Amino acid sequence: MTFWRALTATYGGSLAFLVACPLLALVPVVFELLQHGIEVHIGMYDSLEAAQATEHHPLRMGFGMLKVASLVVPGYWIVRYLARRDPVFAARVEPTAVRLFAGFLIFELALAAIQLFLLPPSATVLLVSFIVGQIIGCLVAAWAVAAPLGDAAIGPRASAAIMVRQLPWTLAFLLAAMLPLMIPHYALGALAIVGPKPLLWPVLIADSLLVGWLAAVIIASIYFAAVRAAGKAGVAIAPSAHVTATPNDEPLAA
C-alpha cells in the first residue's frame, strides 16, 4: 500500500464509518462539547490572557482523562468497522475483544495520565512528550488493531516487533493523515478566543463535529498503517475464534 493509497483509504474509511455508524461517531463529539462547556465555565474564551491563565485549570485537566477515553474507546468500533465494513460487527460487544481492548485502553489512559499530571507544563517538555507519544503510538498500532478484533497473539511486544521496521513511514503517515483536520481544529480554537463572542458556541459546535471526524481519521490511519506493516512482516491480524465471524472473514494481512 502506497502512502497516497493509505491516505485516501484513511479518509474514505473514516467517512464511511461516520455514515454507517452515526451514533457511535457522536461519542467524541459529545465529550468535546462537554469539554468546551467546562472551558466556557472557567472563562477560557474570555480573552487570550484568560486562555493562557486557565489552560491548566484543575477542572479542565481533570476532564482531560475522560476526553482521552472518548477518543480511544471509538477505536473498538472503528477498527471493527474498517475490518468488515459491517455496522453490526462494529458495534457487537465481543467478550474476548472487549477484554483485550480494555488492556489497550488502560495503557493509553496511563500514558495520558503521565502527560497530564506528572510532567511539568513547559514548552520543551510538552514537545518532547508529544514526539515520544507519537513514537509509542506507532509502535503499538498493531496492538490497537488486533485488540478490538480479539486477536490475542498481538500484544504490545508483538506489535512493537511488527511496527518498528516501518516506524519512519508510520510516523510520517500518521502525522500527514491528521494534519488536514488538526489545522482547522486549532484555527477554530483560536477563533473561539479572539473572535466575536456571539459566534462562540457556533464555533465550538463546529469544532466538536470536526473532532468527531478527526478521531475517526486518526484511528483509521492507525488501522491502515498497522495492516501495511503487518503485511510487510508476513503477519496476519485476524479475529479470534471466539469472535463472531462474518461469512467472508479473512485475515487483514498475510
C-alpha atoms as a PDB file:
ATOM      1  CA  MET A   1       0.000   0.000   0.000  1.00  0.00           C
ATOM      2  CA  THR A   2       1.498   3.318  -1.086  1.00  0.00           C
ATOM      3  CA  PHE A   3       1.468   6.440   1.088  1.00  0.00           C
ATOM      4  CA  TRP A   4      -1.208   8.065  -1.090  1.00  0.00           C
ATOM      5  CA  ARG A   5      -3.406   4.964  -1.248  1.00  0.00           C
ATOM      6  CA  ALA A   6      -3.244   4.607   2.526  1.00  0.00           C
ATOM      7  CA  LEU A   7      -4.141   8.274   2.927  1.00  0.00           C
ATOM      8  CA  THR A   8      -7.159   8.073   0.617  1.00  0.00           C
ATOM      9  CA  ALA A   9      -8.238   4.818   2.293  1.00  0.00           C
ATOM     10  CA  THR A  10      -7.992   6.545   5.675  1.00  0.00           C
ATOM     11  CA  TYR A  11     -10.237   9.441   4.719  1.00  0.00           C
ATOM     12  CA  GLY A  12     -12.601   7.254   2.720  1.00  0.00           C
ATOM     13  CA  GLY A  13     -12.844   4.745   5.560  1.00  0.00           C
ATOM     14  CA  SER A  14     -13.408   7.440   8.170  1.00  0.00           C
ATOM     15  CA  LEU A  15     -16.252   8.979   6.177  1.00  0.00           C
ATOM     16  CA  ALA A  16     -17.786   5.559   5.562  1.00  0.00           C
ATOM     17  CA  PHE A  17     -17.756   4.912   9.321  1.00  0.00           C
ATOM     18  CA  LEU A  18     -19.401   8.270  10.080  1.00  0.00           C
ATOM     19  CA  VAL A  19     -22.209   7.470   7.640  1.00  0.00           C
ATOM     20  CA  ALA A  20     -22.663   3.828   8.666  1.00  0.00           C
ATOM     21  CA  CYS A  21     -22.410   4.327  12.451  1.00  0.00           C
ATOM     22  CA  PRO A  22     -23.568   7.905  13.182  1.00  0.00           C
ATOM     23  CA  LEU A  23     -24.487   7.324  16.838  1.00  0.00           C
ATOM     24  CA  LEU A  24     -21.130   5.727  17.628  1.00  0.00           C
ATOM     25  CA  ALA A  25     -19.402   8.533  15.744  1.00  0.00           C
ATOM     26  CA  LEU A  26     -21.022  11.083  18.083  1.00  0.00           C
ATOM     27  CA  VAL A  27     -19.227   9.797  21.201  1.00  0.00           C
ATOM     28  CA  PRO A  28     -16.127  12.018  20.826  1.00  0.00           C
ATOM     29  CA  VAL A  29     -18.337  14.894  19.651  1.00  0.00           C
ATOM     30  CA  VAL A  30     -20.372  14.818  22.873  1.00  0.00           C
ATOM     31  CA  PHE A  31     -17.280  14.766  25.072  1.00  0.00           C
ATOM     32  CA  GLU A  32     -15.675  17.570  23.083  1.00  0.00           C
ATOM     33  CA  LEU A  33     -18.810  19.644  23.618  1.00  0.00           C
ATOM     34  CA  LEU A  34     -18.695  18.877  27.347  1.00  0.00           C
ATOM     35  CA  GLN A  35     -15.086  19.983  27.487  1.00  0.00           C
ATOM     36  CA  HIS A  36     -15.965  23.208  25.692  1.00  0.00           C
ATOM     37  CA  GLY A  37     -18.737  23.752  28.226  1.00  0.00           C
ATOM     38  CA  ILE A  38     -16.197  23.453  31.035  1.00  0.00           C
ATOM     39  CA  GLU A  39     -13.850  25.837  29.230  1.00  0.00           C
ATOM     40  CA  VAL A  40     -16.631  28.395  28.850  1.00  0.00           C
ATOM     41  CA  HIS A  41     -17.493  27.975  32.544  1.00  0.00           C
ATOM     42  CA  ILE A  42     -13.922  28.721  33.682  1.00  0.00           C
ATOM     43  CA  GLY A  43     -13.703  31.728  31.335  1.00  0.00           C
ATOM     44  CA  MET A  44     -11.136  30.290  28.963  1.00  0.00           C
ATOM     45  CA  TYR A  45     -12.630  32.071  25.943  1.00  0.00           C
ATOM     46  CA  ASP A  46     -12.940  35.487  27.568  1.00  0.00           C
ATOM     47  CA  SER A  47      -9.605  36.682  26.198  1.00  0.00           C
ATOM     48  CA  LEU A  48      -6.161  35.499  25.150  1.00  0.00           C
ATOM     49  CA  GLU A  49      -4.888  36.254  28.647  1.00  0.00           C
ATOM     50  CA  ALA A  50      -7.724  34.221  30.173  1.00  0.00           C
ATOM     51  CA  ALA A  51      -6.979  31.308  27.841  1.00  0.00           C
ATOM     52  CA  GLN A  52      -3.349  31.269  28.959  1.00  0.00           C
ATOM     53  CA  ALA A  53      -4.300  31.583  32.618  1.00  0.00           C
ATOM     54  CA  THR A  54      -6.862  28.733  32.549  1.00  0.00           C
ATOM     55  CA  GLU A  55      -5.027  26.343  30.223  1.00  0.00           C
ATOM     56  CA  HIS A  56      -4.052  24.128  33.179  1.00  0.00           C
ATOM     57  CA  HIS A  57      -7.164  24.719  35.296  1.00  0.00           C
ATOM     58  CA  PRO A  58      -7.800  21.633  37.513  1.00  0.00           C
ATOM     59  CA  LEU A  59     -11.339  21.193  36.214  1.00  0.00           C
ATOM     60  CA  ARG A  60     -10.159  21.219  32.608  1.00  0.00           C
ATOM     61  CA  MET A  61      -7.210  18.908  33.319  1.00  0.00           C
ATOM     62  CA  GLY A  62      -9.392  16.501  35.277  1.00  0.00           C
ATOM     63  CA  PHE A  63     -11.878  16.248  32.434  1.00  0.00           C
ATOM     64  CA  GLY A  64      -8.922  15.641  30.123  1.00  0.00           C
ATOM     65  CA  MET A  65      -8.837  11.964  31.119  1.00  0.00           C
ATOM     66  CA  LEU A  66     -12.459  11.492  30.068  1.00  0.00           C
ATOM     67  CA  LYS A  67     -11.656  13.319  26.835  1.00  0.00           C
ATOM     68  CA  VAL A  68      -8.765  10.924  26.154  1.00  0.00           C
ATOM     69  CA  ALA A  69     -11.022   7.933  26.838  1.00  0.00           C
ATOM     70  CA  SER A  70     -13.635   9.338  24.447  1.00  0.00           C
ATOM     71  CA  LEU A  71     -11.011   9.422  21.699  1.00  0.00           C
ATOM     72  CA  VAL A  72      -9.582   5.950  22.392  1.00  0.00           C
ATOM     73  CA  VAL A  73     -12.785   3.970  23.009  1.00  0.00           C
ATOM     74  CA  PRO A  74     -14.154   4.583  19.460  1.00  0.00           C
ATOM     75  CA  GLY A  75     -11.135   2.634  18.242  1.00  0.00           C
ATOM     76  CA  TYR A  76     -13.042  -0.511  19.183  1.00  0.00           C
ATOM     77  CA  TRP A  77     -15.898   0.290  16.814  1.00  0.00           C
ATOM     78  CA  ILE A  78     -13.899   1.957  14.051  1.00  0.00           C
ATOM     79  CA  VAL A  79     -11.336  -0.828  13.718  1.00  0.00           C
ATOM     80  CA  ARG A  80     -14.061  -3.458  13.625  1.00  0.00           C
ATOM     81  CA  TYR A  81     -15.990  -1.454  11.043  1.00  0.00           C
ATOM     82  CA  LEU A  82     -12.957  -0.971   8.800  1.00  0.00           C
ATOM     83  CA  ALA A  83     -12.094  -4.656   9.058  1.00  0.00           C
ATOM     84  CA  ARG A  84     -15.506  -5.865   7.824  1.00  0.00           C
ATOM     85  CA  ARG A  85     -17.452  -2.747   6.702  1.00  0.00           C
ATOM     86  CA  ASP A  86     -20.322  -4.129   8.749  1.00  0.00           C
ATOM     87  CA  PRO A  87     -22.027  -1.809  11.301  1.00  0.00           C
ATOM     88  CA  VAL A  88     -23.441  -4.787  13.215  1.00  0.00           C
ATOM     89  CA  PHE A  89     -19.998  -6.371  13.560  1.00  0.00           C
ATOM     90  CA  ALA A  90     -18.550  -2.978  14.525  1.00  0.00           C
ATOM     91  CA  ALA A  91     -20.982  -2.432  17.409  1.00  0.00           C
ATOM     92  CA  ARG A  92     -21.102  -6.016  18.662  1.00  0.00           C
ATOM     93  CA  VAL A  93     -19.750  -6.457  22.199  1.00  0.00           C
ATOM     94  CA  GLU A  94     -17.474  -9.498  21.964  1.00  0.00           C
ATOM     95  CA  PRO A  95     -16.118 -10.574  25.396  1.00  0.00           C
ATOM     96  CA  THR A  96     -12.678 -11.567  24.083  1.00  0.00           C
ATOM     97  CA  ALA A  97     -12.288  -8.407  22.031  1.00  0.00           C
ATOM     98  CA  VAL A  98     -13.551  -6.206  24.882  1.00  0.00           C
ATOM     99  CA  ARG A  99     -11.131  -7.795  27.347  1.00  0.00           C
ATOM    100  CA  LEU A 100      -8.162  -7.295  25.031  1.00  0.00           C
ATOM    101  CA  PHE A 101      -9.214  -3.772  24.118  1.00  0.00           C
ATOM    102  CA  ALA A 102      -9.602  -2.911  27.809  1.00  0.00           C
ATOM    103  CA  GLY A 103      -5.901  -3.657  28.245  1.00  0.00           C
ATOM    104  CA  PHE A 104      -5.061  -1.312  25.391  1.00  0.00           C
ATOM    105  CA  LEU A 105      -7.367   1.377  26.806  1.00  0.00           C
ATOM    106  CA  ILE A 106      -5.712   1.183  30.236  1.00  0.00           C
ATOM    107  CA  PHE A 107      -2.297   1.546  28.579  1.00  0.00           C
ATOM    108  CA  GLU A 108      -3.429   4.648  26.671  1.00  0.00           C
ATOM    109  CA  LEU A 109      -5.003   6.200  29.773  1.00  0.00           C
ATOM    110  CA  ALA A 110      -1.818   5.577  31.771  1.00  0.00           C
ATOM    111  CA  LEU A 111       0.218   7.402  29.131  1.00  0.00           C
ATOM    112  CA  ALA A 112      -2.269  10.275  29.153  1.00  0.00           C
ATOM    113  CA  ALA A 113      -2.153  10.481  32.959  1.00  0.00           C
ATOM    114  CA  ILE A 114       1.634  10.792  32.859  1.00  0.00           C
ATOM    115  CA  GLN A 115       1.423  13.569  30.282  1.00  0.00           C
ATOM    116  CA  LEU A 116      -1.407  15.441  32.004  1.00  0.00           C
ATOM    117  CA  PHE A 117      -0.469  15.158  35.662  1.00  0.00           C
ATOM    118  CA  LEU A 118       3.171  14.144  36.107  1.00  0.00           C
ATOM    119  CA  LEU A 119       5.148  16.087  33.518  1.00  0.00           C
ATOM    120  CA  PRO A 120       5.928  19.779  34.069  1.00  0.00           C
ATOM    121  CA  PRO A 121       3.952  22.010  31.657  1.00  0.00           C
ATOM    122  CA  SER A 122       6.955  23.609  29.946  1.00  0.00           C
ATOM    123  CA  ALA A 123       7.135  24.044  26.165  1.00  0.00           C
ATOM    124  CA  THR A 124      10.211  21.821  25.862  1.00  0.00           C
ATOM    125  CA  VAL A 125       8.713  19.027  27.948  1.00  0.00           C
ATOM    126  CA  LEU A 126       5.443  19.195  26.015  1.00  0.00           C
ATOM    127  CA  LEU A 127       7.296  18.963  22.690  1.00  0.00           C
ATOM    128  CA  VAL A 128       9.410  16.008  23.803  1.00  0.00           C
ATOM    129  CA  SER A 129       6.310  14.366  25.292  1.00  0.00           C
ATOM    130  CA  PHE A 130       4.452  14.779  22.003  1.00  0.00           C
ATOM    131  CA  ILE A 131       7.290  13.232  19.986  1.00  0.00           C
ATOM    132  CA  VAL A 132       7.737  10.316  22.384  1.00  0.00           C
ATOM    133  CA  GLY A 133       3.982   9.803  22.473  1.00  0.00           C
ATOM    134  CA  GLN A 134       3.822   9.663  18.682  1.00  0.00           C
ATOM    135  CA  ILE A 135       6.608   7.074  18.556  1.00  0.00           C
ATOM    136  CA  ILE A 136       4.914   4.919  21.180  1.00  0.00           C
ATOM    137  CA  GLY A 137       1.629   5.282  19.299  1.00  0.00           C
ATOM    138  CA  CYS A 138       3.299   3.999  16.141  1.00  0.00           C
ATOM    139  CA  LEU A 139       4.822   1.007  17.938  1.00  0.00           C
ATOM    140  CA  VAL A 140       1.509  -0.101  19.475  1.00  0.00           C
ATOM    141  CA  ALA A 141      -0.526   0.428  16.288  1.00  0.00           C
ATOM    142  CA  ALA A 142      -0.782  -3.292  15.519  1.00  0.00           C
ATOM    143  CA  TRP A 143      -1.964  -3.902  19.099  1.00  0.00           C
ATOM    144  CA  ALA A 144      -4.576  -1.167  18.653  1.00  0.00           C
ATOM    145  CA  VAL A 145      -5.952  -3.066  15.641  1.00  0.00           C
ATOM    146  CA  ALA A 146      -5.586  -6.618  16.956  1.00  0.00           C
ATOM    147  CA  ALA A 147      -7.237  -5.985  20.338  1.00  0.00           C
ATOM    148  CA  PRO A 148     -10.735  -4.975  19.147  1.00  0.00           C
ATOM    149  CA  LEU A 149     -10.652  -7.902  16.725  1.00  0.00           C
ATOM    150  CA  GLY A 150      -9.953 -10.314  19.578  1.00  0.00           C
ATOM    151  CA  ASP A 151      -6.514 -11.289  18.257  1.00  0.00           C
ATOM    152  CA  ALA A 152      -4.617 -12.156  21.445  1.00  0.00           C
ATOM    153  CA  ALA A 153      -1.472 -13.102  19.518  1.00  0.00           C
ATOM    154  CA  ILE A 154      -0.553  -9.437  19.014  1.00  0.00           C
ATOM    155  CA  GLY A 155       0.026  -7.596  22.252  1.00  0.00           C
ATOM    156  CA  PRO A 156       2.334  -4.639  22.928  1.00  0.00           C
ATOM    157  CA  ARG A 157       5.590  -6.577  22.445  1.00  0.00           C
ATOM    158  CA  ALA A 158       4.495  -8.304  19.234  1.00  0.00           C
ATOM    159  CA  SER A 159       3.101  -5.002  17.974  1.00  0.00           C
ATOM    160  CA  ALA A 160       6.426  -3.244  18.514  1.00  0.00           C
ATOM    161  CA  ALA A 161       8.217  -6.035  16.653  1.00  0.00           C
ATOM    162  CA  ILE A 162       5.837  -5.619  13.704  1.00  0.00           C
ATOM    163  CA  MET A 163       5.873  -1.840  13.610  1.00  0.00           C
ATOM    164  CA  VAL A 164       9.491  -0.958  14.415  1.00  0.00           C
ATOM    165  CA  ARG A 165      10.811  -1.538  10.878  1.00  0.00           C
ATOM    166  CA  GLN A 166       8.055   0.675   9.495  1.00  0.00           C
ATOM    167  CA  LEU A 167       8.476   3.358  12.164  1.00  0.00           C
ATOM    168  CA  PRO A 168       9.631   6.284   9.936  1.00  0.00           C
ATOM    169  CA  TRP A 169       6.891   5.588   7.352  1.00  0.00           C
ATOM    170  CA  THR A 170       4.222   5.166  10.020  1.00  0.00           C
ATOM    171  CA  LEU A 171       5.235   8.292  11.916  1.00  0.00           C
ATOM    172  CA  ALA A 172       5.175  10.411   8.748  1.00  0.00           C
ATOM    173  CA  PHE A 173       1.886   8.847   7.651  1.00  0.00           C
ATOM    174  CA  LEU A 174       0.027   9.348  10.924  1.00  0.00           C
ATOM    175  CA  LEU A 175       1.118  12.992  11.057  1.00  0.00           C
ATOM    176  CA  ALA A 176       0.160  13.559   7.400  1.00  0.00           C
ATOM    177  CA  ALA A 177      -3.245  11.970   8.000  1.00  0.00           C
ATOM    178  CA  MET A 178      -4.164  14.135  10.987  1.00  0.00           C
ATOM    179  CA  LEU A 179      -2.723  17.484   9.838  1.00  0.00           C
ATOM    180  CA  PRO A 180      -5.501  18.414   7.353  1.00  0.00           C
ATOM    181  CA  LEU A 181      -8.010  18.333  10.225  1.00  0.00           C
ATOM    182  CA  MET A 182      -5.714  19.400  13.064  1.00  0.00           C
ATOM    183  CA  ILE A 183      -5.043  22.747  11.366  1.00  0.00           C
ATOM    184  CA  PRO A 184      -8.727  23.825  11.219  1.00  0.00           C
ATOM    185  CA  HIS A 185      -9.229  22.364  14.719  1.00  0.00           C
ATOM    186  CA  TYR A 186      -6.630  24.732  16.172  1.00  0.00           C
ATOM    187  CA  ALA A 187      -7.865  27.556  13.954  1.00  0.00           C
ATOM    188  CA  LEU A 188     -11.375  27.159  15.367  1.00  0.00           C
ATOM    189  CA  GLY A 189      -9.937  27.129  18.882  1.00  0.00           C
ATOM    190  CA  ALA A 190      -8.150  30.406  18.200  1.00  0.00           C
ATOM    191  CA  LEU A 191     -11.289  31.896  16.652  1.00  0.00           C
ATOM    192  CA  ALA A 192     -13.272  30.967  19.763  1.00  0.00           C
ATOM    193  CA  ILE A 193     -10.818  33.019  21.858  1.00  0.00           C
ATOM    194  CA  VAL A 194     -10.320  36.104  19.688  1.00  0.00           C
ATOM    195  CA  GLY A 195     -13.442  36.088  17.520  1.00  0.00           C
ATOM    196  CA  PRO A 196     -16.818  37.772  18.097  1.00  0.00           C
ATOM    197  CA  LYS A 197     -18.470  36.372  21.220  1.00  0.00           C
ATOM    198  CA  PRO A 198     -21.887  35.847  19.537  1.00  0.00           C
ATOM    199  CA  LEU A 199     -20.115  33.271  17.346  1.00  0.00           C
ATOM    200  CA  LEU A 200     -18.576  31.428  20.301  1.00  0.00           C
ATOM    201  CA  TRP A 201     -20.963  28.494  20.540  1.00  0.00           C
ATOM    202  CA  PRO A 202     -21.412  28.044  16.759  1.00  0.00           C
ATOM    203  CA  VAL A 203     -17.607  27.873  16.516  1.00  0.00           C
ATOM    204  CA  LEU A 204     -17.370  25.420  19.423  1.00  0.00           C
ATOM    205  CA  ILE A 205     -20.099  23.207  17.954  1.00  0.00           C
ATOM    206  CA  ALA A 206     -18.348  23.216  14.570  1.00  0.00           C
ATOM    207  CA  ASP A 207     -15.085  22.314  16.301  1.00  0.00           C
ATOM    208  CA  SER A 208     -16.731  19.446  18.192  1.00  0.00           C
ATOM    209  CA  LEU A 209     -18.127  17.982  14.982  1.00  0.00           C
ATOM    210  CA  LEU A 210     -14.694  18.333  13.397  1.00  0.00           C
ATOM    211  CA  VAL A 211     -13.153  16.453  16.342  1.00  0.00           C
ATOM    212  CA  GLY A 212     -15.590  13.604  15.720  1.00  0.00           C
ATOM    213  CA  TRP A 213     -14.251  13.272  12.177  1.00  0.00           C
ATOM    214  CA  LEU A 214     -10.662  13.801  13.368  1.00  0.00           C
ATOM    215  CA  ALA A 215     -10.999  10.922  15.837  1.00  0.00           C
ATOM    216  CA  ALA A 216     -12.207   8.635  13.044  1.00  0.00           C
ATOM    217  CA  VAL A 217      -9.339   9.752  10.787  1.00  0.00           C
ATOM    218  CA  ILE A 218      -6.694   9.153  13.459  1.00  0.00           C
ATOM    219  CA  ILE A 219      -7.982   5.664  14.213  1.00  0.00           C
ATOM    220  CA  ALA A 220      -8.379   4.817  10.514  1.00  0.00           C
ATOM    221  CA  SER A 221      -4.807   5.959   9.848  1.00  0.00           C
ATOM    222  CA  ILE A 222      -3.574   3.681  12.640  1.00  0.00           C
ATOM    223  CA  TYR A 223      -5.596   0.824  11.160  1.00  0.00           C
ATOM    224  CA  PHE A 224      -4.170   1.145   7.653  1.00  0.00           C
ATOM    225  CA  ALA A 225      -0.629   1.723   8.925  1.00  0.00           C
ATOM    226  CA  ALA A 226      -0.850  -1.419  11.054  1.00  0.00           C
ATOM    227  CA  VAL A 227      -2.303  -3.505   8.220  1.00  0.00           C
ATOM    228  CA  ARG A 228       0.505  -2.341   5.935  1.00  0.00           C
ATOM    229  CA  ALA A 229       3.221  -3.098   8.487  1.00  0.00           C
ATOM    230  CA  ALA A 230       1.728  -6.491   9.328  1.00  0.00           C
ATOM    231  CA  GLY A 231       1.615  -7.396   5.650  1.00  0.00           C
ATOM    232  CA  LYS A 232       5.277  -6.489   5.200  1.00  0.00           C
ATOM    233  CA  ALA A 233       6.168  -8.540   8.280  1.00  0.00           C
ATOM    234  CA  GLY A 234       4.226 -11.537   6.974  1.00  0.00           C
ATOM    235  CA  VAL A 235       1.859 -11.444   9.942  1.00  0.00           C
ATOM    236  CA  ALA A 236      -1.919 -11.851   9.801  1.00  0.00           C
ATOM    237  CA  ILE A 237      -4.172  -9.796  12.054  1.00  0.00           C
ATOM    238  CA  ALA A 238      -7.385 -11.785  12.295  1.00  0.00           C
ATOM    239  CA  PRO A 239     -10.420 -12.101  14.569  1.00  0.00           C
ATOM    240  CA  SER A 240     -10.092 -14.706  17.298  1.00  0.00           C
ATOM    241  CA  ALA A 241     -12.069 -17.933  17.044  1.00  0.00           C
ATOM    242  CA  HIS A 242     -14.065 -16.574  19.984  1.00  0.00           C
ATOM    243  CA  VAL A 243     -15.143 -13.520  17.993  1.00  0.00           C
ATOM    244  CA  THR A 244     -18.272 -13.896  15.899  1.00  0.00           C
ATOM    245  CA  ALA A 245     -17.153 -14.039  12.279  1.00  0.00           C
ATOM    246  CA  THR A 246     -18.857 -12.797   9.161  1.00  0.00           C
ATOM    247  CA  PRO A 247     -19.274 -15.172   6.198  1.00  0.00           C
ATOM    248  CA  ASN A 248     -16.260 -13.820   4.305  1.00  0.00           C
ATOM    249  CA  ASP A 249     -13.832 -13.433   7.190  1.00  0.00           C
ATOM    250  CA  GLU A 250     -10.198 -13.356   6.091  1.00  0.00           C
ATOM    251  CA  PRO A 251      -7.001 -12.189   7.805  1.00  0.00           C
ATOM    252  CA  LEU A 252      -6.304  -8.481   7.392  1.00  0.00           C
ATOM    253  CA  ALA A 253      -2.743  -9.143   6.332  1.00  0.00           C
ATOM    254  CA  ALA A 254      -0.892 -12.211   5.242  1.00  0.00           C
END
